[in-house]
Amino acid sequence: MGRIMKVVIDADLCQGHGRCFSIAPIIFDFDELGNGVVIGVGSLTPETIDLARLAQANCPEHAIFIEESS
């Protein structure tokens, strides 16, 4: 059985720079305050994991986390 990858944004850390949305608009959106949010439940596919990792690496507040579960 494979691992399930999920991306989350810590709302307390996010300051709304929008890099996540700029890098991966199919994964991230922004709320009414301009802070990043994950679209849907944040499940990642083999096609979106690299985009999520790129967004994570470019987040100035380190507010993006990629979780792995079985």
N, C-alpha and C. Protein backbone atom coordinates (compact mmCIF):
# COMPACT_ATOMS: atom_id res chain seq x y z
N MET A 1 0.85 -1.19 0.00
CA MET A 1 0.00 0.00 0.00
C MET A 1 0.88 1.24 0.00
N GLY A 2 0.53 2.23 -0.79
CA GLY A 2 1.33 3.44 -0.92
C GLY A 2 1.06 4.45 0.17
N ARG A 3 1.91 5.40 0.21
CA ARG A 3 1.77 6.49 1.16
C ARG A 3 0.83 7.55 0.60
N ILE A 4 0.12 8.22 1.51
CA ILE A 4 -0.75 9.33 1.14
C ILE A 4 -0.02 10.62 1.49
N MET A 5 0.13 11.49 0.51
CA MET A 5 0.80 12.77 0.71
C MET A 5 -0.26 13.87 0.74
N LYS A 6 -0.09 14.77 1.69
CA LYS A 6 -1.05 15.85 1.88
C LYS A 6 -0.28 17.13 2.20
N VAL A 7 -0.75 18.24 1.69
CA VAL A 7 -0.14 19.53 1.97
C VAL A 7 -1.09 20.36 2.84
N VAL A 8 -0.51 21.08 3.79
CA VAL A 8 -1.29 21.96 4.66
C VAL A 8 -0.55 23.28 4.82
N ILE A 9 -1.29 24.32 5.12
CA ILE A 9 -0.71 25.63 5.43
C ILE A 9 -1.07 25.96 6.87
N ASP A 10 -0.07 26.35 7.65
CA ASP A 10 -0.30 26.80 9.01
C ASP A 10 -0.78 28.25 8.94
N ALA A 11 -2.05 28.46 9.22
CA ALA A 11 -2.67 29.79 9.09
C ALA A 11 -2.04 30.80 10.05
N ASP A 12 -1.50 30.33 11.17
CA ASP A 12 -0.86 31.25 12.12
C ASP A 12 0.48 31.78 11.60
N LEU A 13 1.12 31.02 10.72
CA LEU A 13 2.41 31.43 10.18
C LEU A 13 2.30 32.23 8.88
N CYS A 14 1.28 31.93 8.08
CA CYS A 14 1.13 32.56 6.76
C CYS A 14 0.90 34.06 6.89
N GLN A 15 1.64 34.83 6.08
CA GLN A 15 1.47 36.29 6.07
C GLN A 15 1.00 36.81 4.73
N GLY A 16 0.60 35.89 3.84
CA GLY A 16 -0.04 36.31 2.60
C GLY A 16 0.87 36.82 1.50
N HIS A 17 2.09 36.33 1.41
CA HIS A 17 2.98 36.75 0.33
C HIS A 17 2.51 36.24 -1.03
N GLY A 18 1.78 35.12 -1.05
CA GLY A 18 1.20 34.60 -2.28
C GLY A 18 2.12 33.80 -3.16
N ARG A 19 3.28 33.46 -2.67
CA ARG A 19 4.21 32.67 -3.49
C ARG A 19 3.64 31.29 -3.80
N CYS A 20 2.97 30.70 -2.83
CA CYS A 20 2.39 29.36 -3.04
C CYS A 20 1.39 29.39 -4.19
N PHE A 21 0.52 30.38 -4.19
CA PHE A 21 -0.48 30.52 -5.25
C PHE A 21 0.18 30.80 -6.60
N SER A 22 1.21 31.63 -6.59
CA SER A 22 1.92 31.94 -7.83
C SER A 22 2.60 30.72 -8.42
N ILE A 23 3.14 29.88 -7.57
CA ILE A 23 3.86 28.69 -8.01
C ILE A 23 2.91 27.56 -8.39
N ALA A 24 1.88 27.36 -7.58
CA ALA A 24 1.01 26.18 -7.76
C ALA A 24 -0.46 26.53 -7.58
N PRO A 25 -1.05 27.26 -8.53
CA PRO A 25 -2.46 27.65 -8.39
C PRO A 25 -3.43 26.47 -8.45
N ILE A 26 -2.96 25.31 -8.86
CA ILE A 26 -3.85 24.14 -8.85
C ILE A 26 -3.91 23.49 -7.46
N ILE A 27 -3.01 23.92 -6.56
CA ILE A 27 -2.98 23.38 -5.19
C ILE A 27 -3.43 24.43 -4.18
N PHE A 28 -3.05 25.70 -4.41
CA PHE A 28 -3.28 26.75 -3.42
C PHE A 28 -4.18 27.85 -3.97
N ASP A 29 -4.87 28.49 -3.03
CA ASP A 29 -5.70 29.65 -3.32
C ASP A 29 -5.43 30.64 -2.19
N PHE A 30 -6.21 31.69 -2.10
CA PHE A 30 -6.07 32.61 -0.99
C PHE A 30 -7.45 32.93 -0.43
N ASP A 31 -7.47 33.27 0.86
CA ASP A 31 -8.74 33.56 1.52
C ASP A 31 -9.07 35.05 1.40
N GLU A 32 -10.13 35.48 2.07
CA GLU A 32 -10.58 36.86 1.98
C GLU A 32 -9.59 37.87 2.54
N LEU A 33 -8.63 37.39 3.34
CA LEU A 33 -7.59 38.27 3.88
C LEU A 33 -6.31 38.24 3.06
N GLY A 34 -6.29 37.40 2.03
CA GLY A 34 -5.12 37.28 1.18
C GLY A 34 -4.10 36.25 1.64
N ASN A 35 -4.45 35.47 2.65
CA ASN A 35 -3.56 34.42 3.14
C ASN A 35 -3.77 33.15 2.34
N GLY A 36 -2.71 32.35 2.23
CA GLY A 36 -2.78 31.12 1.47
C GLY A 36 -3.66 30.07 2.11
N VAL A 37 -4.36 29.34 1.29
CA VAL A 37 -5.16 28.19 1.72
C VAL A 37 -4.97 27.08 0.70
N VAL A 38 -5.14 25.86 1.17
CA VAL A 38 -5.05 24.70 0.31
C VAL A 38 -6.41 24.44 -0.32
N ILE A 39 -6.42 24.14 -1.60
CA ILE A 39 -7.66 23.81 -2.29
C ILE A 39 -8.05 22.38 -1.91
N GLY A 40 -9.30 22.19 -1.55
CA GLY A 40 -9.79 20.86 -1.18
C GLY A 40 -9.17 20.37 0.11
N VAL A 41 -8.88 19.07 0.15
CA VAL A 41 -8.32 18.47 1.37
C VAL A 41 -6.81 18.41 1.35
N GLY A 42 -6.20 18.86 0.27
CA GLY A 42 -4.74 18.93 0.19
C GLY A 42 -4.06 17.66 -0.26
N SER A 43 -4.82 16.68 -0.73
CA SER A 43 -4.21 15.44 -1.21
C SER A 43 -3.34 15.71 -2.43
N LEU A 44 -2.15 15.15 -2.41
CA LEU A 44 -1.21 15.34 -3.51
C LEU A 44 -1.12 14.10 -4.36
N THR A 45 -0.88 14.31 -5.64
CA THR A 45 -0.70 13.22 -6.59
C THR A 45 0.76 13.24 -7.03
N PRO A 46 1.19 12.21 -7.73
CA PRO A 46 2.56 12.24 -8.25
C PRO A 46 2.80 13.47 -9.14
N GLU A 47 1.76 13.97 -9.77
CA GLU A 47 1.89 15.14 -10.65
C GLU A 47 1.99 16.45 -9.87
N THR A 48 1.48 16.50 -8.64
CA THR A 48 1.46 17.76 -7.90
C THR A 48 2.46 17.81 -6.74
N ILE A 49 3.08 16.70 -6.40
CA ILE A 49 4.00 16.70 -5.25
C ILE A 49 5.19 17.63 -5.48
N ASP A 50 5.74 17.65 -6.67
CA ASP A 50 6.89 18.53 -6.93
C ASP A 50 6.51 20.00 -6.83
N LEU A 51 5.31 20.34 -7.31
CA LEU A 51 4.84 21.73 -7.18
C LEU A 51 4.66 22.11 -5.71
N ALA A 52 4.11 21.20 -4.92
CA ALA A 52 3.92 21.47 -3.50
C ALA A 52 5.26 21.66 -2.81
N ARG A 53 6.24 20.85 -3.15
CA ARG A 53 7.58 20.98 -2.56
C ARG A 53 8.24 22.29 -2.98
N LEU A 54 8.04 22.70 -4.22
CA LEU A 54 8.59 23.97 -4.68
C LEU A 54 7.95 25.14 -3.92
N ALA A 55 6.65 25.09 -3.75
CA ALA A 55 5.96 26.13 -2.98
C ALA A 55 6.45 26.15 -1.54
N GLN A 56 6.62 24.96 -0.96
CA GLN A 56 7.12 24.86 0.41
C GLN A 56 8.50 25.50 0.53
N ALA A 57 9.37 25.23 -0.41
CA ALA A 57 10.73 25.77 -0.38
C ALA A 57 10.76 27.28 -0.56
N ASN A 58 9.74 27.84 -1.21
CA ASN A 58 9.70 29.28 -1.48
C ASN A 58 8.86 30.08 -0.50
N CYS A 59 8.29 29.44 0.49
CA CYS A 59 7.46 30.15 1.48
C CYS A 59 8.37 30.86 2.49
N PRO A 60 8.32 32.19 2.55
CA PRO A 60 9.21 32.92 3.46
C PRO A 60 8.96 32.62 4.94
N GLU A 61 7.73 32.26 5.28
CA GLU A 61 7.40 31.98 6.68
C GLU A 61 7.49 30.50 7.05
N HIS A 62 7.81 29.67 6.06
CA HIS A 62 7.86 28.21 6.28
C HIS A 62 6.52 27.72 6.84
N ALA A 63 5.44 28.19 6.22
CA ALA A 63 4.09 27.88 6.68
C ALA A 63 3.47 26.67 5.96
N ILE A 64 4.18 26.13 4.98
CA ILE A 64 3.65 25.01 4.21
C ILE A 64 4.31 23.72 4.68
N PHE A 65 3.47 22.74 4.95
CA PHE A 65 3.96 21.44 5.42
C PHE A 65 3.41 20.33 4.55
N ILE A 66 4.25 19.38 4.24
CA ILE A 66 3.83 18.21 3.48
C ILE A 66 3.87 17.03 4.44
N GLU A 67 2.70 16.42 4.62
CA GLU A 67 2.55 15.32 5.55
C GLU A 67 2.42 14.01 4.78
N GLU A 68 2.97 12.97 5.35
CA GLU A 68 2.92 11.66 4.73
C GLU A 68 2.31 10.68 5.71
N SER A 69 1.36 9.91 5.24
CA SER A 69 0.73 8.90 6.10
C SER A 69 0.47 7.65 5.27
N SER A 70 0.19 6.57 5.97
CA SER A 70 -0.08 5.34 5.24
C SER A 70 -1.55 4.99 5.28
